[in-house]
Structure formats: C-alpha cells, structure tokens
Amino acid sequence: MAHLIHSSRGGLLIRALLIGIHNLHHQGMAHHIARFVTLVRSLSIDPIVVRQNWLDAYDYTTDKGAAVLNDYARVNDPFARIGKESVTVQITSVVRASDTSFNVRWTERRYVNGAAA
C-alpha cells in the first residue's frame, strides 16, 4: 500500500508499506516508489496514456491507499488538464527516511499548449 503525505515543502513522502515488495532491497523498493511518483505526477497529452498511468499507480495501492489516491485525483483532476497541459517528471533522489518511509525528490517540467510554463 502507498500512502501519500503532503510535506511542508509541498512534495510527497511515500510511506513504503508497499505490499508484495517488502522483501526487496532498498534499490528495488526505491525503483517502485519512483515509478509510482512518476505515474501519478506526470501528465501526458494522450488521455489513454494518462488513464493507463493511473491504473498502473492503483496497482501499487491497497484499498486504503486507493482511497487516498482517489482524493488526490479529485483535488488535482489530471484528466481535466489533458490536451492543454503536459508534465514530465525526473526523479532526483529516493532516500530511506525510516524503516517504513522514503523521502522522494523530483523535478517537474510543465508545458501549456506545448510551451514551457
């Protein structure tokens, strides 16, 4: 399960309670966490890609995590921005913060109507 927690800096801290990958070493978990952030934070101009990214992101969650992700999508509504905006995500670091959490940092590049915004 992945829980999204907003930090004071506006980033996201993803608690590494990822069912099915508990036994992976740090790099394996870091890969899956980075993938989850990329799926949720990026935005394609193609609605099929956006839909698939979100479906893939839900594969990382439990029912409780899916409810949190639903709330996040409701507030941010990525589907309303399709065709107008796109966002690319570059993960810069994934660092273990505790036995059950990781601190994830990334850079987003946002484009509106094809121009950098």
PDB file of N, CA and C in Angstrom:
ATOM      1  N   MET A   1       0.853  -1.164   0.000  1.00  0.00           N
ATOM      2  CA  MET A   1       0.000   0.000   0.000  1.00  0.00           C
ATOM      3  C   MET A   1       0.890   1.215   0.000  1.00  0.00           C
ATOM      4  N   ALA A   2       0.484   2.258  -0.616  1.00  0.00           N
ATOM      5  CA  ALA A   2       1.235   3.508  -0.628  1.00  0.00           C
ATOM      6  C   ALA A   2       0.329   4.606  -0.114  1.00  0.00           C
ATOM      7  N   HIS A   3       0.800   5.304   0.887  1.00  0.00           N
ATOM      8  CA  HIS A   3       0.047   6.430   1.419  1.00  0.00           C
ATOM      9  C   HIS A   3       0.749   7.701   0.995  1.00  0.00           C
ATOM     10  N   LEU A   4       0.016   8.670   0.521  1.00  0.00           N
ATOM     11  CA  LEU A   4       0.582   9.955   0.140  1.00  0.00           C
ATOM     12  C   LEU A   4       0.441  10.911   1.302  1.00  0.00           C
ATOM     13  N   ILE A   5       1.527  11.550   1.668  1.00  0.00           N
ATOM     14  CA  ILE A   5       1.510  12.516   2.753  1.00  0.00           C
ATOM     15  C   ILE A   5       2.155  13.787   2.247  1.00  0.00           C
ATOM     16  N   HIS A   6       1.437  14.891   2.305  1.00  0.00           N
ATOM     17  CA  HIS A   6       1.998  16.162   1.863  1.00  0.00           C
ATOM     18  C   HIS A   6       2.974  16.670   2.909  1.00  0.00           C
ATOM     19  N   SER A   7       4.168  17.029   2.484  1.00  0.00           N
ATOM     20  CA  SER A   7       5.153  17.580   3.405  1.00  0.00           C
ATOM     21  C   SER A   7       5.022  19.093   3.437  1.00  0.00           C
ATOM     22  N   SER A   8       5.734  19.718   4.352  1.00  0.00           N
ATOM     23  CA  SER A   8       5.662  21.175   4.484  1.00  0.00           C
ATOM     24  C   SER A   8       6.211  21.880   3.253  1.00  0.00           C
ATOM     25  N   ARG A   9       7.014  21.204   2.464  1.00  0.00           N
ATOM     26  CA  ARG A   9       7.588  21.814   1.260  1.00  0.00           C
ATOM     27  C   ARG A   9       6.748  21.545   0.026  1.00  0.00           C
ATOM     28  N   GLY A  10       5.608  20.904   0.194  1.00  0.00           N
ATOM     29  CA  GLY A  10       4.733  20.664  -0.949  1.00  0.00           C
ATOM     30  C   GLY A  10       5.049  19.390  -1.714  1.00  0.00           C
ATOM     31  N   GLY A  11       6.097  18.703  -1.341  1.00  0.00           N
ATOM     32  CA  GLY A  11       6.423  17.445  -2.004  1.00  0.00           C
ATOM     33  C   GLY A  11       5.591  16.322  -1.429  1.00  0.00           C
ATOM     34  N   LEU A  12       5.900  15.132  -1.793  1.00  0.00           N
ATOM     35  CA  LEU A  12       5.179  13.986  -1.272  1.00  0.00           C
ATOM     36  C   LEU A  12       6.162  13.042  -0.616  1.00  0.00           C
ATOM     37  N   LEU A  13       5.774  12.534   0.525  1.00  0.00           N
ATOM     38  CA  LEU A  13       6.531  11.476   1.171  1.00  0.00           C
ATOM     39  C   LEU A  13       5.699  10.223   1.019  1.00  0.00           C
ATOM     40  N   ILE A  14       6.266   9.212   0.473  1.00  0.00           N
ATOM     41  CA  ILE A  14       5.519   7.984   0.243  1.00  0.00           C
ATOM     42  C   ILE A  14       5.973   6.959   1.256  1.00  0.00           C
ATOM     43  N   ARG A  15       5.041   6.556   2.094  1.00  0.00           N
ATOM     44  CA  ARG A  15       5.354   5.539   3.085  1.00  0.00           C
ATOM     45  C   ARG A  15       5.536   4.213   2.373  1.00  0.00           C
ATOM     46  N   ALA A  16       6.636   3.601   2.642  1.00  0.00           N
ATOM     47  CA  ALA A  16       6.949   2.346   1.964  1.00  0.00           C
ATOM     48  C   ALA A  16       6.289   1.183   2.681  1.00  0.00           C
ATOM     49  N   LEU A  17       4.998   1.098   2.549  1.00  0.00           N
ATOM     50  CA  LEU A  17       4.242  -0.033   3.055  1.00  0.00           C
ATOM     51  C   LEU A  17       3.702  -0.770   1.841  1.00  0.00           C
ATOM     52  N   LEU A  18       4.576  -0.959   0.891  1.00  0.00           N
ATOM     53  CA  LEU A  18       4.186  -1.496  -0.410  1.00  0.00           C
ATOM     54  C   LEU A  18       4.065  -3.013  -0.322  1.00  0.00           C
ATOM     55  N   ILE A  19       2.843  -3.476  -0.293  1.00  0.00           N
ATOM     56  CA  ILE A  19       2.580  -4.904  -0.176  1.00  0.00           C
ATOM     57  C   ILE A  19       3.145  -5.621  -1.398  1.00  0.00           C
ATOM     58  N   GLY A  20       3.802  -6.721  -1.149  1.00  0.00           N
ATOM     59  CA  GLY A  20       4.345  -7.515  -2.239  1.00  0.00           C
ATOM     60  C   GLY A  20       5.794  -7.180  -2.552  1.00  0.00           C
ATOM     61  N   ILE A  21       6.290  -6.058  -2.052  1.00  0.00           N
ATOM     62  CA  ILE A  21       7.696  -5.746  -2.313  1.00  0.00           C
ATOM     63  C   ILE A  21       8.441  -5.448  -1.018  1.00  0.00           C
ATOM     64  N   HIS A  22       7.871  -5.862   0.128  1.00  0.00           N
ATOM     65  CA  HIS A  22       8.523  -5.645   1.417  1.00  0.00           C
ATOM     66  C   HIS A  22       9.929  -6.232   1.459  1.00  0.00           C
ATOM     67  N   ASN A  23      10.139  -7.358   0.826  1.00  0.00           N
ATOM     68  CA  ASN A  23      11.414  -8.046   0.939  1.00  0.00           C
ATOM     69  C   ASN A  23      12.458  -7.592  -0.071  1.00  0.00           C
ATOM     70  N   LEU A  24      12.101  -6.661  -0.926  1.00  0.00           N
ATOM     71  CA  LEU A  24      13.087  -6.157  -1.872  1.00  0.00           C
ATOM     72  C   LEU A  24      14.115  -5.301  -1.148  1.00  0.00           C
ATOM     73  N   HIS A  25      15.316  -5.305  -1.648  1.00  0.00           N
ATOM     74  CA  HIS A  25      16.350  -4.454  -1.075  1.00  0.00           C
ATOM     75  C   HIS A  25      16.000  -2.994  -1.357  1.00  0.00           C
ATOM     76  N   HIS A  26      16.725  -2.093  -0.760  1.00  0.00           N
ATOM     77  CA  HIS A  26      16.437  -0.658  -0.865  1.00  0.00           C
ATOM     78  C   HIS A  26      16.298  -0.195  -2.313  1.00  0.00           C
ATOM     79  N   GLN A  27      17.211  -0.609  -3.182  1.00  0.00           N
ATOM     80  CA  GLN A  27      17.157  -0.146  -4.572  1.00  0.00           C
ATOM     81  C   GLN A  27      15.900  -0.637  -5.275  1.00  0.00           C
ATOM     82  N   GLY A  28      15.480  -1.851  -4.980  1.00  0.00           N
ATOM     83  CA  GLY A  28      14.255  -2.373  -5.580  1.00  0.00           C
ATOM     84  C   GLY A  28      13.041  -1.595  -5.129  1.00  0.00           C
ATOM     85  N   MET A  29      12.965  -1.300  -3.835  1.00  0.00           N
ATOM     86  CA  MET A  29      11.849  -0.512  -3.324  1.00  0.00           C
ATOM     87  C   MET A  29      11.903   0.896  -3.884  1.00  0.00           C
ATOM     88  N   ALA A  30      13.092   1.471  -3.946  1.00  0.00           N
ATOM     89  CA  ALA A  30      13.253   2.830  -4.470  1.00  0.00           C
ATOM     90  C   ALA A  30      12.761   2.903  -5.912  1.00  0.00           C
ATOM     91  N   HIS A  31      13.039   1.881  -6.687  1.00  0.00           N
ATOM     92  CA  HIS A  31      12.580   1.842  -8.083  1.00  0.00           C
ATOM     93  C   HIS A  31      11.056   1.889  -8.153  1.00  0.00           C
ATOM     94  N   HIS A  32      10.402   1.059  -7.361  1.00  0.00           N
ATOM     95  CA  HIS A  32       8.938   1.006  -7.389  1.00  0.00           C
ATOM     96  C   HIS A  32       8.313   2.301  -6.881  1.00  0.00           C
ATOM     97  N   ILE A  33       8.906   2.890  -5.870  1.00  0.00           N
ATOM     98  CA  ILE A  33       8.394   4.155  -5.339  1.00  0.00           C
ATOM     99  C   ILE A  33       8.568   5.261  -6.375  1.00  0.00           C
ATOM    100  N   ALA A  34       9.731   5.309  -7.015  1.00  0.00           N
ATOM    101  CA  ALA A  34       9.969   6.311  -8.062  1.00  0.00           C
ATOM    102  C   ALA A  34       8.979   6.123  -9.207  1.00  0.00           C
ATOM    103  N   ARG A  35       8.714   4.896  -9.554  1.00  0.00           N
ATOM    104  CA  ARG A  35       7.749   4.611 -10.621  1.00  0.00           C
ATOM    105  C   ARG A  35       6.357   5.114 -10.245  1.00  0.00           C
ATOM    106  N   PHE A  36       5.949   4.878  -9.000  1.00  0.00           N
ATOM    107  CA  PHE A  36       4.646   5.328  -8.528  1.00  0.00           C
ATOM    108  C   PHE A  36       4.531   6.851  -8.623  1.00  0.00           C
ATOM    109  N   VAL A  37       5.553   7.563  -8.161  1.00  0.00           N
ATOM    110  CA  VAL A  37       5.536   9.030  -8.221  1.00  0.00           C
ATOM    111  C   VAL A  37       5.437   9.491  -9.672  1.00  0.00           C
ATOM    112  N   THR A  38       6.206   8.880 -10.546  1.00  0.00           N
ATOM    113  CA  THR A  38       6.180   9.254 -11.961  1.00  0.00           C
ATOM    114  C   THR A  38       4.799   9.012 -12.570  1.00  0.00           C
ATOM    115  N   LEU A  39       4.191   7.896 -12.244  1.00  0.00           N
ATOM    116  CA  LEU A  39       2.859   7.590 -12.778  1.00  0.00           C
ATOM    117  C   LEU A  39       1.820   8.617 -12.346  1.00  0.00           C
ATOM    118  N   VAL A  40       1.903   9.042 -11.088  1.00  0.00           N
ATOM    119  CA  VAL A  40       0.887   9.938 -10.530  1.00  0.00           C
ATOM    120  C   VAL A  40       1.138  11.401 -10.885  1.00  0.00           C
ATOM    121  N   ARG A  41       2.385  11.821 -10.907  1.00  0.00           N
ATOM    122  CA  ARG A  41       2.690  13.242 -11.094  1.00  0.00           C
ATOM    123  C   ARG A  41       2.855  13.656 -12.551  1.00  0.00           C
ATOM    124  N   SER A  42       3.198  12.727 -13.445  1.00  0.00           N
ATOM    125  CA  SER A  42       3.363  13.104 -14.853  1.00  0.00           C
ATOM    126  C   SER A  42       1.993  13.254 -15.507  1.00  0.00           C
ATOM    127  N   LEU A  43       1.963  13.979 -16.613  1.00  0.00           N
ATOM    128  CA  LEU A  43       0.713  14.168 -17.347  1.00  0.00           C
ATOM    129  C   LEU A  43       1.016  14.189 -18.836  1.00  0.00           C
ATOM    130  N   SER A  44       0.471  13.220 -19.535  1.00  0.00           N
ATOM    131  CA  SER A  44       0.620  13.132 -20.985  1.00  0.00           C
ATOM    132  C   SER A  44      -0.488  13.931 -21.661  1.00  0.00           C
ATOM    133  N   ILE A  45      -0.260  14.282 -22.916  1.00  0.00           N
ATOM    134  CA  ILE A  45      -1.329  14.920 -23.693  1.00  0.00           C
ATOM    135  C   ILE A  45      -2.299  13.868 -24.234  1.00  0.00           C
ATOM    136  N   ASP A  46      -1.933  12.606 -24.089  1.00  0.00           N
ATOM    137  CA  ASP A  46      -2.738  11.489 -24.582  1.00  0.00           C
ATOM    138  C   ASP A  46      -3.591  10.923 -23.440  1.00  0.00           C
ATOM    139  N   PRO A  47      -4.914  11.001 -23.540  1.00  0.00           N
ATOM    140  CA  PRO A  47      -5.772  10.524 -22.457  1.00  0.00           C
ATOM    141  C   PRO A  47      -5.639   9.025 -22.180  1.00  0.00           C
ATOM    142  N   ILE A  48      -5.288   8.254 -23.197  1.00  0.00           N
ATOM    143  CA  ILE A  48      -5.115   6.814 -22.997  1.00  0.00           C
ATOM    144  C   ILE A  48      -3.901   6.553 -22.114  1.00  0.00           C
ATOM    145  N   VAL A  49      -2.828   7.294 -22.335  1.00  0.00           N
ATOM    146  CA  VAL A  49      -1.623   7.158 -21.515  1.00  0.00           C
ATOM    147  C   VAL A  49      -1.908   7.585 -20.077  1.00  0.00           C
ATOM    148  N   VAL A  50      -2.621   8.683 -19.906  1.00  0.00           N
ATOM    149  CA  VAL A  50      -2.952   9.163 -18.555  1.00  0.00           C
ATOM    150  C   VAL A  50      -3.777   8.117 -17.822  1.00  0.00           C
ATOM    151  N   ARG A  51      -4.769   7.581 -18.486  1.00  0.00           N
ATOM    152  CA  ARG A  51      -5.617   6.559 -17.861  1.00  0.00           C
ATOM    153  C   ARG A  51      -4.789   5.344 -17.460  1.00  0.00           C
ATOM    154  N   GLN A  52      -3.924   4.872 -18.358  1.00  0.00           N
ATOM    155  CA  GLN A  52      -3.108   3.699 -18.055  1.00  0.00           C
ATOM    156  C   GLN A  52      -2.140   3.976 -16.912  1.00  0.00           C
ATOM    157  N   ASN A  53      -1.555   5.175 -16.889  1.00  0.00           N
ATOM    158  CA  ASN A  53      -0.660   5.532 -15.783  1.00  0.00           C
ATOM    159  C   ASN A  53      -1.385   5.445 -14.448  1.00  0.00           C
ATOM    160  N   TRP A  54      -2.610   5.972 -14.396  1.00  0.00           N
ATOM    161  CA  TRP A  54      -3.365   5.940 -13.146  1.00  0.00           C
ATOM    162  C   TRP A  54      -3.767   4.516 -12.779  1.00  0.00           C
ATOM    163  N   LEU A  55      -4.162   3.721 -13.748  1.00  0.00           N
ATOM    164  CA  LEU A  55      -4.480   2.322 -13.454  1.00  0.00           C
ATOM    165  C   LEU A  55      -3.251   1.597 -12.920  1.00  0.00           C
ATOM    166  N   ASP A  56      -2.090   1.852 -13.519  1.00  0.00           N
ATOM    167  CA  ASP A  56      -0.845   1.244 -13.038  1.00  0.00           C
ATOM    168  C   ASP A  56      -0.514   1.718 -11.626  1.00  0.00           C
ATOM    169  N   ALA A  57      -0.748   2.993 -11.335  1.00  0.00           N
ATOM    170  CA  ALA A  57      -0.488   3.526  -9.991  1.00  0.00           C
ATOM    171  C   ALA A  57      -1.373   2.831  -8.963  1.00  0.00           C
ATOM    172  N   TYR A  58      -2.628   2.591  -9.315  1.00  0.00           N
ATOM    173  CA  TYR A  58      -3.535   1.904  -8.387  1.00  0.00           C
ATOM    174  C   TYR A  58      -3.069   0.483  -8.088  1.00  0.00           C
ATOM    175  N   ASP A  59      -2.319  -0.127  -8.997  1.00  0.00           N
ATOM    176  CA  ASP A  59      -1.778  -1.467  -8.748  1.00  0.00           C
ATOM    177  C   ASP A  59      -0.826  -1.481  -7.557  1.00  0.00           C
ATOM    178  N   TYR A  60      -0.260  -0.329  -7.210  1.00  0.00           N
ATOM    179  CA  TYR A  60       0.664  -0.232  -6.090  1.00  0.00           C
ATOM    180  C   TYR A  60      -0.049  -0.043  -4.750  1.00  0.00           C
ATOM    181  N   THR A  61      -1.353   0.138  -4.756  1.00  0.00           N
ATOM    182  CA  THR A  61      -2.052   0.513  -3.529  1.00  0.00           C
ATOM    183  C   THR A  61      -2.971  -0.584  -3.005  1.00  0.00           C
ATOM    184  N   THR A  62      -3.267  -0.483  -1.714  1.00  0.00           N
ATOM    185  CA  THR A  62      -4.321  -1.285  -1.102  1.00  0.00           C
ATOM    186  C   THR A  62      -5.608  -0.481  -1.228  1.00  0.00           C
ATOM    187  N   ASP A  63      -6.686  -0.985  -0.680  1.00  0.00           N
ATOM    188  CA  ASP A  63      -7.949  -0.246  -0.716  1.00  0.00           C
ATOM    189  C   ASP A  63      -7.813   1.108  -0.022  1.00  0.00           C
ATOM    190  N   LYS A  64      -7.127   1.124   1.110  1.00  0.00           N
ATOM    191  CA  LYS A  64      -6.937   2.385   1.844  1.00  0.00           C
ATOM    192  C   LYS A  64      -6.075   3.354   1.035  1.00  0.00           C
ATOM    193  N   GLY A  65      -5.013   2.848   0.447  1.00  0.00           N
ATOM    194  CA  GLY A  65      -4.160   3.684  -0.397  1.00  0.00           C
ATOM    195  C   GLY A  65      -4.899   4.194  -1.624  1.00  0.00           C
ATOM    196  N   ALA A  66      -5.771   3.355  -2.187  1.00  0.00           N
ATOM    197  CA  ALA A  66      -6.566   3.768  -3.350  1.00  0.00           C
ATOM    198  C   ALA A  66      -7.514   4.898  -2.982  1.00  0.00           C
ATOM    199  N   ALA A  67      -8.061   4.854  -1.766  1.00  0.00           N
ATOM    200  CA  ALA A  67      -8.953   5.936  -1.318  1.00  0.00           C
ATOM    201  C   ALA A  67      -8.188   7.252  -1.219  1.00  0.00           C
ATOM    202  N   VAL A  68      -6.959   7.194  -0.717  1.00  0.00           N
ATOM    203  CA  VAL A  68      -6.122   8.396  -0.634  1.00  0.00           C
ATOM    204  C   VAL A  68      -5.807   8.901  -2.037  1.00  0.00           C
ATOM    205  N   LEU A  69      -5.489   7.988  -2.938  1.00  0.00           N
ATOM    206  CA  LEU A  69      -5.186   8.359  -4.320  1.00  0.00           C
ATOM    207  C   LEU A  69      -6.421   8.941  -5.013  1.00  0.00           C
ATOM    208  N   ASN A  70      -7.588   8.394  -4.726  1.00  0.00           N
ATOM    209  CA  ASN A  70      -8.837   8.958  -5.261  1.00  0.00           C
ATOM    210  C   ASN A  70      -9.020  10.405  -4.819  1.00  0.00           C
ATOM    211  N   ASP A  71      -8.793  10.671  -3.535  1.00  0.00           N
ATOM    212  CA  ASP A  71      -8.920  12.037  -3.015  1.00  0.00           C
ATOM    213  C   ASP A  71      -7.930  12.969  -3.702  1.00  0.00           C
ATOM    214  N   TYR A  72      -6.710  12.489  -3.879  1.00  0.00           N
ATOM    215  CA  TYR A  72      -5.675  13.279  -4.545  1.00  0.00           C
ATOM    216  C   TYR A  72      -6.108  13.616  -5.978  1.00  0.00           C
ATOM    217  N   ALA A  73      -6.626  12.618  -6.698  1.00  0.00           N
ATOM    218  CA  ALA A  73      -7.066  12.834  -8.085  1.00  0.00           C
ATOM    219  C   ALA A  73      -8.258  13.782  -8.138  1.00  0.00           C
ATOM    220  N   ARG A  74      -9.135  13.674  -7.169  1.00  0.00           N
ATOM    221  CA  ARG A  74     -10.313  14.543  -7.140  1.00  0.00           C
ATOM    222  C   ARG A  74      -9.899  16.009  -6.966  1.00  0.00           C
ATOM    223  N   VAL A  75      -8.937  16.261  -6.098  1.00  0.00           N
ATOM    224  CA  VAL A  75      -8.468  17.629  -5.839  1.00  0.00           C
ATOM    225  C   VAL A  75      -7.666  18.168  -7.018  1.00  0.00           C
ATOM    226  N   ASN A  76      -6.822  17.330  -7.617  1.00  0.00           N
ATOM    227  CA  ASN A  76      -5.912  17.782  -8.677  1.00  0.00           C
ATOM    228  C   ASN A  76      -6.438  17.542 -10.090  1.00  0.00           C
ATOM    229  N   ASP A  77      -7.410  16.693 -10.262  1.00  0.00           N
ATOM    230  CA  ASP A  77      -8.087  16.360 -11.516  1.00  0.00           C
ATOM    231  C   ASP A  77      -7.195  16.407 -12.760  1.00  0.00           C
ATOM    232  N   PRO A  78      -6.277  15.450 -12.887  1.00  0.00           N
ATOM    233  CA  PRO A  78      -5.384  15.454 -14.049  1.00  0.00           C
ATOM    234  C   PRO A  78      -6.128  15.294 -15.374  1.00  0.00           C
ATOM    235  N   PHE A  79      -7.262  14.634 -15.359  1.00  0.00           N
ATOM    236  CA  PHE A  79      -7.993  14.391 -16.603  1.00  0.00           C
ATOM    237  C   PHE A  79      -8.573  15.671 -17.190  1.00  0.00           C
ATOM    238  N   ALA A  80      -8.827  16.657 -16.362  1.00  0.00           N
ATOM    239  CA  ALA A  80      -9.360  17.943 -16.845  1.00  0.00           C
ATOM    240  C   ALA A  80      -8.298  18.741 -17.597  1.00  0.00           C
ATOM    241  N   ARG A  81      -7.028  18.416 -17.360  1.00  0.00           N
ATOM    242  CA  ARG A  81      -5.932  19.179 -17.975  1.00  0.00           C
ATOM    243  C   ARG A  81      -5.391  18.532 -19.249  1.00  0.00           C
ATOM    244  N   ILE A  82      -5.884  17.339 -19.584  1.00  0.00           N
ATOM    245  CA  ILE A  82      -5.397  16.618 -20.767  1.00  0.00           C
ATOM    246  C   ILE A  82      -5.644  17.454 -22.020  1.00  0.00           C
ATOM    247  N   GLY A  83      -4.612  17.529 -22.860  1.00  0.00           N
ATOM    248  CA  GLY A  83      -4.711  18.271 -24.113  1.00  0.00           C
ATOM    249  C   GLY A  83      -4.311  19.726 -23.980  1.00  0.00           C
ATOM    250  N   LYS A  84      -4.303  20.238 -22.760  1.00  0.00           N
ATOM    251  CA  LYS A  84      -3.902  21.627 -22.515  1.00  0.00           C
ATOM    252  C   LYS A  84      -2.526  21.695 -21.877  1.00  0.00           C
ATOM    253  N   GLU A  85      -2.267  20.751 -21.001  1.00  0.00           N
ATOM    254  CA  GLU A  85      -1.027  20.729 -20.232  1.00  0.00           C
ATOM    255  C   GLU A  85      -0.352  19.382 -20.374  1.00  0.00           C
ATOM    256  N   SER A  86       0.948  19.381 -20.188  1.00  0.00           N
ATOM    257  CA  SER A  86       1.678  18.131 -20.010  1.00  0.00           C
ATOM    258  C   SER A  86       2.741  18.375 -18.950  1.00  0.00           C
ATOM    259  N   VAL A  87       3.097  17.311 -18.256  1.00  0.00           N
ATOM    260  CA  VAL A  87       4.091  17.400 -17.189  1.00  0.00           C
ATOM    261  C   VAL A  87       5.024  16.213 -17.323  1.00  0.00           C
ATOM    262  N   THR A  88       6.325  16.486 -17.327  1.00  0.00           N
ATOM    263  CA  THR A  88       7.318  15.421 -17.276  1.00  0.00           C
ATOM    264  C   THR A  88       7.912  15.405 -15.879  1.00  0.00           C
ATOM    265  N   VAL A  89       8.299  14.226 -15.429  1.00  0.00           N
ATOM    266  CA  VAL A  89       8.830  14.049 -14.080  1.00  0.00           C
ATOM    267  C   VAL A  89      10.217  13.437 -14.170  1.00  0.00           C
ATOM    268  N   GLN A  90      11.155  14.033 -13.461  1.00  0.00           N
ATOM    269  CA  GLN A  90      12.507  13.492 -13.352  1.00  0.00           C
ATOM    270  C   GLN A  90      12.786  13.245 -11.874  1.00  0.00           C
ATOM    271  N   ILE A  91      12.909  11.993 -11.485  1.00  0.00           N
ATOM    272  CA  ILE A  91      13.210  11.652 -10.093  1.00  0.00           C
ATOM    273  C   ILE A  91      14.669  12.003  -9.832  1.00  0.00           C
ATOM    274  N   THR A  92      14.921  12.787  -8.781  1.00  0.00           N
ATOM    275  CA  THR A  92      16.298  13.168  -8.457  1.00  0.00           C
ATOM    276  C   THR A  92      16.871  12.345  -7.313  1.00  0.00           C
ATOM    277  N   SER A  93      16.018  11.896  -6.387  1.00  0.00           N
ATOM    278  CA  SER A  93      16.517  11.028  -5.322  1.00  0.00           C
ATOM    279  C   SER A  93      15.378  10.302  -4.630  1.00  0.00           C
ATOM    280  N   VAL A  94      15.698   9.113  -4.163  1.00  0.00           N
ATOM    281  CA  VAL A  94      14.802   8.335  -3.316  1.00  0.00           C
ATOM    282  C   VAL A  94      15.667   7.850  -2.165  1.00  0.00           C
ATOM    283  N   VAL A  95      15.397   8.381  -0.965  1.00  0.00           N
ATOM    284  CA  VAL A  95      16.232   8.099   0.199  1.00  0.00           C
ATOM    285  C   VAL A  95      15.368   7.509   1.302  1.00  0.00           C
ATOM    286  N   ARG A  96      15.839   6.438   1.891  1.00  0.00           N
ATOM    287  CA  ARG A  96      15.112   5.839   3.014  1.00  0.00           C
ATOM    288  C   ARG A  96      15.113   6.824   4.177  1.00  0.00           C
ATOM    289  N   ALA A  97      13.920   7.152   4.682  1.00  0.00           N
ATOM    290  CA  ALA A  97      13.783   8.072   5.809  1.00  0.00           C
ATOM    291  C   ALA A  97      13.646   7.311   7.125  1.00  0.00           C
ATOM    292  N   SER A  98      13.083   6.117   7.074  1.00  0.00           N
ATOM    293  CA  SER A  98      12.943   5.257   8.250  1.00  0.00           C
ATOM    294  C   SER A  98      12.706   3.843   7.743  1.00  0.00           C
ATOM    295  N   ASP A  99      12.407   2.938   8.649  1.00  0.00           N
ATOM    296  CA  ASP A  99      12.131   1.564   8.229  1.00  0.00           C
ATOM    297  C   ASP A  99      10.884   1.456   7.367  1.00  0.00           C
ATOM    298  N   THR A 100       9.987   2.434   7.479  1.00  0.00           N
ATOM    299  CA  THR A 100       8.713   2.348   6.761  1.00  0.00           C
ATOM    300  C   THR A 100       8.449   3.518   5.830  1.00  0.00           C
ATOM    301  N   SER A 101       9.458   4.359   5.573  1.00  0.00           N
ATOM    302  CA  SER A 101       9.195   5.504   4.695  1.00  0.00           C
ATOM    303  C   SER A 101      10.427   5.889   3.888  1.00  0.00           C
ATOM    304  N   PHE A 102      10.156   6.558   2.783  1.00  0.00           N
ATOM    305  CA  PHE A 102      11.192   7.073   1.904  1.00  0.00           C
ATOM    306  C   PHE A 102      10.893   8.530   1.622  1.00  0.00           C
ATOM    307  N   ASN A 103      11.935   9.324   1.454  1.00  0.00           N
ATOM    308  CA  ASN A 103      11.791  10.708   1.030  1.00  0.00           C
ATOM    309  C   ASN A 103      12.111  10.737  -0.462  1.00  0.00           C
ATOM    310  N   VAL A 104      11.180  11.232  -1.245  1.00  0.00           N
ATOM    311  CA  VAL A 104      11.337  11.251  -2.701  1.00  0.00           C
ATOM    312  C   VAL A 104      11.417  12.696  -3.165  1.00  0.00           C
ATOM    313  N   ARG A 105      12.422  12.997  -3.965  1.00  0.00           N
ATOM    314  CA  ARG A 105      12.556  14.330  -4.559  1.00  0.00           C
ATOM    315  C   ARG A 105      12.538  14.174  -6.074  1.00  0.00           C
ATOM    316  N   TRP A 106      11.882  15.138  -6.717  1.00  0.00           N
ATOM    317  CA  TRP A 106      11.806  15.095  -8.167  1.00  0.00           C
ATOM    318  C   TRP A 106      11.627  16.491  -8.718  1.00  0.00           C
ATOM    319  N   THR A 107      11.865  16.604 -10.021  1.00  0.00           N
ATOM    320  CA  THR A 107      11.668  17.853 -10.744  1.00  0.00           C
ATOM    321  C   THR A 107      10.557  17.631 -11.757  1.00  0.00           C
ATOM    322  N   GLU A 108       9.686  18.602 -11.855  1.00  0.00           N
ATOM    323  CA  GLU A 108       8.616  18.544 -12.844  1.00  0.00           C
ATOM    324  C   GLU A 108       8.818  19.659 -13.855  1.00  0.00           C
ATOM    325  N   ARG A 109       8.624  19.323 -15.121  1.00  0.00           N
ATOM    326  CA  ARG A 109       8.613  20.328 -16.184  1.00  0.00           C
ATOM    327  C   ARG A 109       7.195  20.378 -16.718  1.00  0.00           C
ATOM    328  N   ARG A 110       6.606  21.556 -16.663  1.00  0.00           N
ATOM    329  CA  ARG A 110       5.212  21.736 -17.060  1.00  0.00           C
ATOM    330  C   ARG A 110       5.157  22.498 -18.376  1.00  0.00           C
ATOM    331  N   TYR A 111       4.298  22.043 -19.253  1.00  0.00           N
ATOM    332  CA  TYR A 111       4.102  22.669 -20.555  1.00  0.00           C
ATOM    333  C   TYR A 111       2.615  22.972 -20.728  1.00  0.00           C
ATOM    334  N   VAL A 112       2.317  24.162 -21.232  1.00  0.00           N
ATOM    335  CA  VAL A 112       0.941  24.552 -21.526  1.00  0.00           C
ATOM    336  C   VAL A 112       0.870  24.873 -23.012  1.00  0.00           C
ATOM    337  N   ASN A 113      -0.011  24.178 -23.701  1.00  0.00           N
ATOM    338  CA  ASN A 113      -0.132  24.322 -25.156  1.00  0.00           C
ATOM    339  C   ASN A 113       1.216  24.175 -25.854  1.00  0.00           C
ATOM    340  N   GLY A 114       2.029  23.249 -25.367  1.00  0.00           N
ATOM    341  CA  GLY A 114       3.313  22.937 -25.975  1.00  0.00           C
ATOM    342  C   GLY A 114       4.471  23.819 -25.579  1.00  0.00           C
ATOM    343  N   ALA A 115       4.219  24.895 -24.837  1.00  0.00           N
ATOM    344  CA  ALA A 115       5.287  25.811 -24.424  1.00  0.00           C
ATOM    345  C   ALA A 115       5.583  25.630 -22.937  1.00  0.00           C
ATOM    346  N   ALA A 116       6.869  25.750 -22.598  1.00  0.00           N
ATOM    347  CA  ALA A 116       7.256  25.647 -21.189  1.00  0.00           C
ATOM    348  C   ALA A 116       6.503  26.683 -20.370  1.00  0.00           C
ATOM    349  N   ALA A 117       6.020  26.250 -19.224  1.00  0.00           N
ATOM    350  CA  ALA A 117       5.252  27.166 -18.361  1.00  0.00           C
ATOM    351  C   ALA A 117       5.989  27.412 -17.054  1.00  0.00           C
TER     352      ALA A 117
END
